[in-house]
Amino acid sequence: MSSINKTNAKFSMPRRIPPLKSLRAFEAAARNLSFTRAADELYVTQAAISHQIKALEDFLGVDLFIRKNRQLLLTDEGQNYWPKIRDIFEILVSATESVRAQRIRGPLTVSVVPTFATVWLVPRLSDFNQNYPEIDVRLKASDATVDFVKEDIDVAIYYNSGDYAGMHTVTLLNECLTPLCSPELLKRKPLKQLSDLKEHTLLHDGSTNDWRRWLKAARVEGINLSQGPVFSHTSMVQQAAIYGQGIAMGHAVLSKADVQAGRLVKPFDLEMESDFSYDIVCPQQYAERPKIKAFTNWLLETVQKDSHMTANPTIL
């Protein structure tokens, strides 16, 4: 009986392991060979990294780093220790992702370009909420590229050229460009031919690039692109056009509701395909999460429902 008790006591003794903060600090510093970059990555100060490394070295009883010619190098003990710690953190990440991937309920944080969020996504989002009431969608309107490592974002919708290295990407919508204006503006100053654009104020979305490309494709010359106000977001350009302030280079996807409602009209039935598209983007390891798959599939199904066109414009 006593031997059994001794055996049980042996296996029930707690094992001492270093603090997780110290291991994270060491892994980041060893991978970057820099306390400064490790501090930036973990959102702490360089002094905090140094403190955690010192605590780990005291725990282990060995030095893990040496400084040589202003460089940070691993000692032999550090070189032997780091791959094992790196593998442990990879296992932790994989295990955590596996558990999280099983959930189809809870919050889903989506980063989305502001105008697309306001004009296209928000008006349709109630349909998703009805179909997936257990998923709490949280929208973050932003033009910035998401850092999925540092930000608590599940998936992003970008309007860009589609070059997202290493990411899982699904094209949601292609975009076409065409001039748009209010019907009242045409009553005051008609647009009977392309050259009449010279007599109108042009409204610009961020830059003059879209107008420049469209005019070139339409073979229109002599237009002064330096005139006309510049707006930071497409929604602002569309509103300015609705209020009769000029001719906007409209985005077909974003302007569809305003065109159907008669708030905007197309003076010319000519469209040019944009270099950009609306893309659903997330890290490869996120793509199979049920919440993200459900949201992606809903987006694609919604686009299919909306895809029927009332007119067949000429593509430049």
Protein backbone atom coordinates (compact mmCIF):
# COMPACT_ATOMS: atom_id res chain seq x y z
CA MET A 1 0.00 0.00 0.00
CA SER A 2 2.80 2.38 0.92
CA SER A 3 4.58 1.75 -2.37
CA ILE A 4 1.40 2.56 -4.28
CA ASN A 5 0.98 5.76 -2.34
CA LYS A 6 4.57 6.72 -3.06
CA THR A 7 4.05 6.05 -6.76
CA ASN A 8 0.88 8.16 -6.84
CA ALA A 9 2.66 10.90 -4.96
CA LYS A 10 5.47 10.83 -7.50
CA PHE A 11 3.15 11.38 -10.45
CA SER A 12 0.96 13.93 -8.68
CA MET A 13 3.87 16.25 -7.90
CA PRO A 14 3.43 19.54 -9.82
CA ARG A 15 5.98 20.24 -12.51
CA ARG A 16 7.59 23.67 -12.52
CA ILE A 17 7.41 25.52 -15.83
CA PRO A 18 8.44 29.08 -16.65
CA PRO A 19 5.77 31.82 -16.78
CA LEU A 20 3.96 31.99 -20.13
CA LYS A 21 4.81 35.70 -20.50
CA SER A 22 8.51 34.93 -20.26
CA LEU A 23 8.22 32.16 -22.86
CA ARG A 24 6.29 34.43 -25.25
CA ALA A 25 8.89 37.16 -24.82
CA PHE A 26 11.73 34.71 -25.45
CA GLU A 27 10.06 33.17 -28.54
CA ALA A 28 9.41 36.59 -30.10
CA ALA A 29 12.88 37.93 -29.27
CA ALA A 30 14.58 34.78 -30.57
CA ARG A 31 12.56 34.79 -33.78
CA ASN A 32 13.22 38.48 -34.44
CA LEU A 33 16.68 38.61 -32.85
CA SER A 34 15.56 41.93 -31.47
CA PHE A 35 14.05 42.99 -28.16
CA THR A 36 12.61 46.08 -29.87
CA ARG A 37 10.73 44.14 -32.58
CA ALA A 38 9.56 41.61 -29.99
CA ALA A 39 8.20 44.46 -27.87
CA ASP A 40 6.34 45.95 -30.86
CA GLU A 41 4.86 42.56 -31.72
CA LEU A 42 3.62 41.89 -28.18
CA TYR A 43 2.50 45.48 -27.50
CA VAL A 44 4.83 45.93 -24.52
CA THR A 45 7.92 48.01 -23.83
CA GLN A 46 11.46 46.91 -24.59
CA ALA A 47 12.15 47.06 -20.85
CA ALA A 48 9.31 44.59 -20.27
CA ILE A 49 10.84 42.16 -22.77
CA SER A 50 14.25 42.48 -21.09
CA HIS A 51 12.63 41.85 -17.70
CA GLN A 52 10.82 38.73 -18.92
CA ILE A 53 13.95 37.35 -20.58
CA LYS A 54 15.97 37.94 -17.39
CA ALA A 55 13.30 36.15 -15.36
CA LEU A 56 13.42 33.19 -17.75
CA GLU A 57 17.22 33.05 -17.65
CA ASP A 58 17.12 33.09 -13.84
CA PHE A 59 14.55 30.29 -13.88
CA LEU A 60 16.64 28.16 -16.24
CA GLY A 61 19.99 29.09 -14.76
CA VAL A 62 21.53 29.83 -18.18
CA ASP A 63 22.03 32.82 -20.48
CA LEU A 64 19.87 32.72 -23.61
CA PHE A 65 21.16 35.80 -25.45
CA ILE A 66 24.44 37.60 -25.97
CA ARG A 67 25.02 41.04 -27.44
CA LYS A 68 27.83 41.29 -29.97
CA ASN A 69 28.64 44.34 -32.09
CA ARG A 70 25.20 45.81 -31.37
CA GLN A 71 23.60 42.57 -32.53
CA LEU A 72 21.44 40.22 -30.48
CA LEU A 73 22.48 36.59 -30.79
CA LEU A 74 21.32 33.36 -29.22
CA THR A 75 23.67 31.42 -27.00
CA ASP A 76 24.10 27.70 -27.60
CA GLU A 77 21.49 27.08 -24.91
CA GLY A 78 19.16 29.62 -26.53
CA GLN A 79 19.58 28.05 -29.97
CA ASN A 80 18.68 24.66 -28.53
CA TYR A 81 15.73 25.98 -26.51
CA TRP A 82 14.05 28.25 -29.07
CA PRO A 83 12.89 25.65 -31.69
CA LYS A 84 11.20 23.64 -28.93
CA ILE A 85 9.39 26.70 -27.55
CA ARG A 86 8.43 27.78 -31.07
CA ASP A 87 6.91 24.34 -31.74
CA ILE A 88 4.99 24.47 -28.45
CA PHE A 89 3.43 27.82 -29.38
CA GLU A 90 2.52 26.51 -32.84
CA ILE A 91 0.78 23.55 -31.20
CA LEU A 92 -1.09 25.92 -28.88
CA VAL A 93 -2.22 28.08 -31.80
CA SER A 94 -3.30 25.04 -33.81
CA ALA A 95 -5.21 23.56 -30.88
CA THR A 96 -6.93 26.87 -30.18
CA GLU A 97 -7.89 27.36 -33.83
CA SER A 98 -9.28 23.81 -33.92
CA VAL A 99 -11.56 24.50 -30.96
CA ARG A 100 -12.64 27.91 -32.25
CA ALA A 101 -13.37 26.45 -35.67
CA GLN A 102 -16.09 24.24 -34.20
CA ARG A 103 -18.21 27.21 -33.13
CA ILE A 104 -20.84 28.69 -35.39
CA ARG A 105 -22.11 31.07 -32.72
CA GLY A 106 -20.72 34.18 -31.12
CA PRO A 107 -19.22 37.38 -32.55
CA LEU A 108 -17.95 37.72 -36.11
CA THR A 109 -15.87 40.86 -36.62
CA VAL A 110 -15.75 42.10 -40.21
CA SER A 111 -13.50 44.88 -41.51
CA VAL A 112 -15.11 46.44 -44.59
CA VAL A 113 -14.48 49.48 -46.77
CA PRO A 114 -16.79 52.27 -45.52
CA THR A 115 -18.86 53.04 -48.62
CA PHE A 116 -19.51 49.38 -49.40
CA ALA A 117 -20.53 48.87 -45.77
CA THR A 118 -22.96 51.79 -45.79
CA VAL A 119 -24.44 51.43 -49.27
CA TRP A 120 -24.40 47.67 -49.91
CA LEU A 121 -23.77 45.55 -46.83
CA VAL A 122 -25.75 47.24 -44.05
CA PRO A 123 -29.06 47.38 -45.99
CA ARG A 124 -28.82 43.62 -46.59
CA LEU A 125 -27.44 42.54 -43.23
CA SER A 126 -30.83 41.92 -41.62
CA ASP A 127 -31.23 38.93 -43.94
CA PHE A 128 -28.05 37.39 -42.55
CA ASN A 129 -29.18 38.11 -38.99
CA GLN A 130 -32.46 36.32 -39.65
CA ASN A 131 -30.71 33.29 -41.12
CA TYR A 132 -27.93 33.15 -38.52
CA PRO A 133 -29.28 34.70 -35.30
CA GLU A 134 -26.59 32.93 -33.28
CA ILE A 135 -23.82 34.91 -35.04
CA ASP A 136 -23.29 38.46 -33.81
CA VAL A 137 -21.84 40.45 -36.73
CA ARG A 138 -19.65 43.39 -35.76
CA LEU A 139 -18.71 45.75 -38.58
CA LYS A 140 -15.57 47.86 -38.56
CA ALA A 141 -15.56 50.39 -41.40
CA SER A 142 -11.98 50.91 -42.57
CA ASP A 143 -9.95 51.44 -45.73
CA ALA A 144 -6.83 50.03 -44.07
CA THR A 145 -5.37 46.59 -44.70
CA VAL A 146 -6.02 44.33 -41.73
CA ASP A 147 -3.18 42.91 -39.66
CA PHE A 148 -4.89 39.67 -38.67
CA VAL A 149 -2.09 38.84 -36.22
CA LYS A 150 -2.46 42.01 -34.18
CA GLU A 151 -6.14 42.89 -34.74
CA ASP A 152 -9.20 41.02 -33.53
CA ILE A 153 -10.69 40.74 -37.02
CA ASP A 154 -12.14 37.53 -38.45
CA VAL A 155 -12.60 38.50 -42.10
CA ALA A 156 -12.24 41.57 -44.31
CA ILE A 157 -13.97 42.90 -47.41
CA TYR A 158 -11.54 44.97 -49.49
CA TYR A 159 -11.95 47.03 -52.63
CA ASN A 160 -8.60 46.49 -54.27
CA SER A 161 -6.65 44.82 -57.06
CA GLY A 162 -6.94 41.34 -55.55
CA ASP A 163 -3.27 40.93 -54.61
CA TYR A 164 -3.35 39.54 -51.06
CA ALA A 165 -0.27 37.38 -50.64
CA GLY A 166 -0.76 34.31 -48.49
CA MET A 167 -4.43 35.03 -47.82
CA HIS A 168 -7.58 33.07 -48.59
CA THR A 169 -9.44 35.23 -51.11
CA VAL A 170 -12.87 35.02 -52.72
CA THR A 171 -13.97 37.62 -55.27
CA LEU A 172 -17.40 38.88 -54.24
CA LEU A 173 -18.18 41.50 -56.88
CA ASN A 174 -16.50 43.06 -59.88
CA GLU A 175 -17.06 46.77 -60.31
CA CYS A 176 -17.82 48.90 -63.35
CA LEU A 177 -17.47 52.67 -63.70
CA THR A 178 -19.79 55.05 -65.51
CA PRO A 179 -20.63 58.79 -65.24
CA LEU A 180 -23.64 59.61 -63.05
CA CYS A 181 -25.51 62.79 -62.23
CA SER A 182 -28.85 64.03 -60.94
CA PRO A 183 -31.76 64.31 -63.43
CA GLU A 184 -32.17 67.96 -62.41
CA LEU A 185 -28.62 68.71 -63.52
CA LEU A 186 -29.34 67.37 -66.99
CA LYS A 187 -32.40 69.60 -67.22
CA ARG A 188 -30.25 72.67 -66.48
CA LYS A 189 -27.34 71.65 -68.68
CA PRO A 190 -27.97 68.70 -71.03
CA LEU A 191 -25.37 66.07 -71.91
CA LYS A 192 -26.16 65.16 -75.50
CA GLN A 193 -22.68 63.97 -76.46
CA LEU A 194 -19.47 63.01 -74.71
CA SER A 195 -17.74 66.30 -75.55
CA ASP A 196 -20.40 68.14 -73.50
CA LEU A 197 -18.58 66.93 -70.39
CA LYS A 198 -16.27 69.92 -70.91
CA GLU A 199 -19.10 72.18 -69.76
CA HIS A 200 -19.67 70.32 -66.48
CA THR A 201 -17.96 70.09 -63.10
CA LEU A 202 -16.39 66.67 -62.56
CA LEU A 203 -16.52 65.07 -59.11
CA HIS A 204 -13.57 62.94 -58.09
CA ASP A 205 -13.27 59.94 -55.77
CA GLY A 206 -9.89 60.22 -54.05
CA SER A 207 -8.08 61.10 -57.29
CA THR A 208 -8.67 61.74 -60.98
CA ASN A 209 -7.56 58.24 -62.03
CA ASP A 210 -11.04 56.77 -62.68
CA TRP A 211 -12.09 59.73 -64.82
CA ARG A 212 -8.78 59.63 -66.68
CA ARG A 213 -9.16 55.94 -67.56
CA TRP A 214 -12.83 56.26 -68.53
CA LEU A 215 -12.25 59.26 -70.77
CA LYS A 216 -9.34 57.50 -72.46
CA ALA A 217 -11.44 54.37 -73.05
CA ALA A 218 -14.31 56.50 -74.39
CA ARG A 219 -11.84 58.45 -76.58
CA VAL A 220 -12.83 61.80 -75.15
CA GLU A 221 -10.19 64.51 -75.28
CA GLY A 222 -9.85 68.06 -74.03
CA ILE A 223 -11.32 67.51 -70.55
CA ASN A 224 -9.63 69.47 -67.76
CA LEU A 225 -9.23 66.89 -64.98
CA SER A 226 -7.63 69.38 -62.60
CA GLN A 227 -10.98 71.07 -61.99
CA GLY A 228 -13.68 69.76 -59.71
CA PRO A 229 -13.80 68.82 -56.01
CA VAL A 230 -12.12 65.69 -54.65
CA PHE A 231 -13.81 63.54 -51.98
CA SER A 232 -12.26 60.88 -49.76
CA HIS A 233 -15.08 58.33 -50.13
CA THR A 234 -17.33 57.21 -52.96
CA SER A 235 -20.46 57.76 -50.87
CA MET A 236 -19.59 61.46 -50.63
CA VAL A 237 -19.12 61.68 -54.39
CA GLN A 238 -22.51 60.06 -54.97
CA GLN A 239 -24.22 62.42 -52.54
CA ALA A 240 -22.64 65.42 -54.24
CA ALA A 241 -23.93 64.12 -57.58
CA ILE A 242 -27.43 63.57 -56.15
CA TYR A 243 -27.44 67.20 -55.00
CA GLY A 244 -26.57 68.35 -58.50
CA GLN A 245 -23.04 69.52 -57.73
CA GLY A 246 -21.49 67.87 -60.79
CA ILE A 247 -20.89 64.63 -62.69
CA ALA A 248 -19.55 61.71 -60.66
CA MET A 249 -17.61 58.74 -61.93
CA GLY A 250 -20.10 56.30 -60.47
CA HIS A 251 -19.54 52.77 -59.24
CA ALA A 252 -22.24 50.50 -60.66
CA VAL A 253 -22.46 48.28 -57.56
CA LEU A 254 -22.67 51.15 -55.10
CA SER A 255 -24.96 53.38 -57.16
CA LYS A 256 -27.51 50.74 -58.20
CA ALA A 257 -30.12 51.70 -55.60
CA ASP A 258 -29.85 55.42 -56.38
CA VAL A 259 -30.14 54.76 -60.12
CA GLN A 260 -33.16 52.51 -59.65
CA ALA A 261 -34.79 55.14 -57.42
CA GLY A 262 -34.17 57.88 -59.99
CA ARG A 263 -31.90 59.91 -57.74
CA LEU A 264 -29.08 59.40 -60.23
CA VAL A 265 -29.12 58.85 -63.98
CA LYS A 266 -26.61 57.61 -66.54
CA PRO A 267 -26.15 60.25 -69.23
CA PHE A 268 -24.21 57.71 -71.32
CA ASP A 269 -24.80 53.97 -71.50
CA LEU A 270 -21.08 53.24 -71.38
CA GLU A 271 -19.34 51.36 -68.56
CA MET A 272 -15.69 50.56 -67.97
CA GLU A 273 -14.55 47.62 -65.90
CA SER A 274 -12.65 48.73 -62.81
CA ASP A 275 -9.18 47.45 -62.00
CA PHE A 276 -10.48 46.75 -58.49
CA SER A 277 -12.98 44.24 -57.13
CA TYR A 278 -14.71 43.60 -53.82
CA ASP A 279 -12.93 40.65 -52.25
CA ILE A 280 -13.54 38.57 -49.12
CA VAL A 281 -10.17 38.06 -47.44
CA CYS A 282 -8.95 36.15 -44.38
CA PRO A 283 -5.93 34.07 -43.34
CA GLN A 284 -5.86 30.57 -44.80
CA GLN A 285 -6.34 29.00 -41.36
CA TYR A 286 -9.52 31.03 -40.78
CA ALA A 287 -11.26 30.02 -43.99
CA GLU A 288 -12.85 26.81 -42.66
CA ARG A 289 -14.31 28.37 -39.53
CA PRO A 290 -18.07 27.77 -39.68
CA LYS A 291 -18.89 31.41 -38.91
CA ILE A 292 -16.70 32.69 -41.74
CA LYS A 293 -17.95 30.04 -44.16
CA ALA A 294 -21.55 30.92 -43.30
CA PHE A 295 -20.90 34.64 -43.83
CA THR A 296 -18.99 34.07 -47.08
CA ASN A 297 -21.67 31.78 -48.50
CA TRP A 298 -24.39 34.27 -47.56
CA LEU A 299 -22.52 37.10 -49.29
CA LEU A 300 -22.13 35.06 -52.48
CA GLU A 301 -25.77 33.95 -52.43
CA THR A 302 -26.90 37.54 -51.92
CA VAL A 303 -24.85 38.69 -54.91
CA GLN A 304 -26.47 35.99 -57.05
CA LYS A 305 -29.92 37.18 -56.02
CA ASP A 306 -29.00 40.75 -56.93
CA SER A 307 -27.23 39.85 -60.16
CA HIS A 308 -30.10 40.30 -62.62
CA MET A 309 -29.64 43.57 -64.52
CA THR A 310 -32.35 45.82 -65.89
CA ALA A 311 -30.14 46.99 -68.74
CA ASN A 312 -27.18 45.79 -70.77
CA PRO A 313 -24.65 48.62 -70.86
CA THR A 314 -21.86 48.83 -73.39
CA ILE A 315 -18.52 47.92 -71.84
CA LEU A 316 -15.67 50.13 -72.94
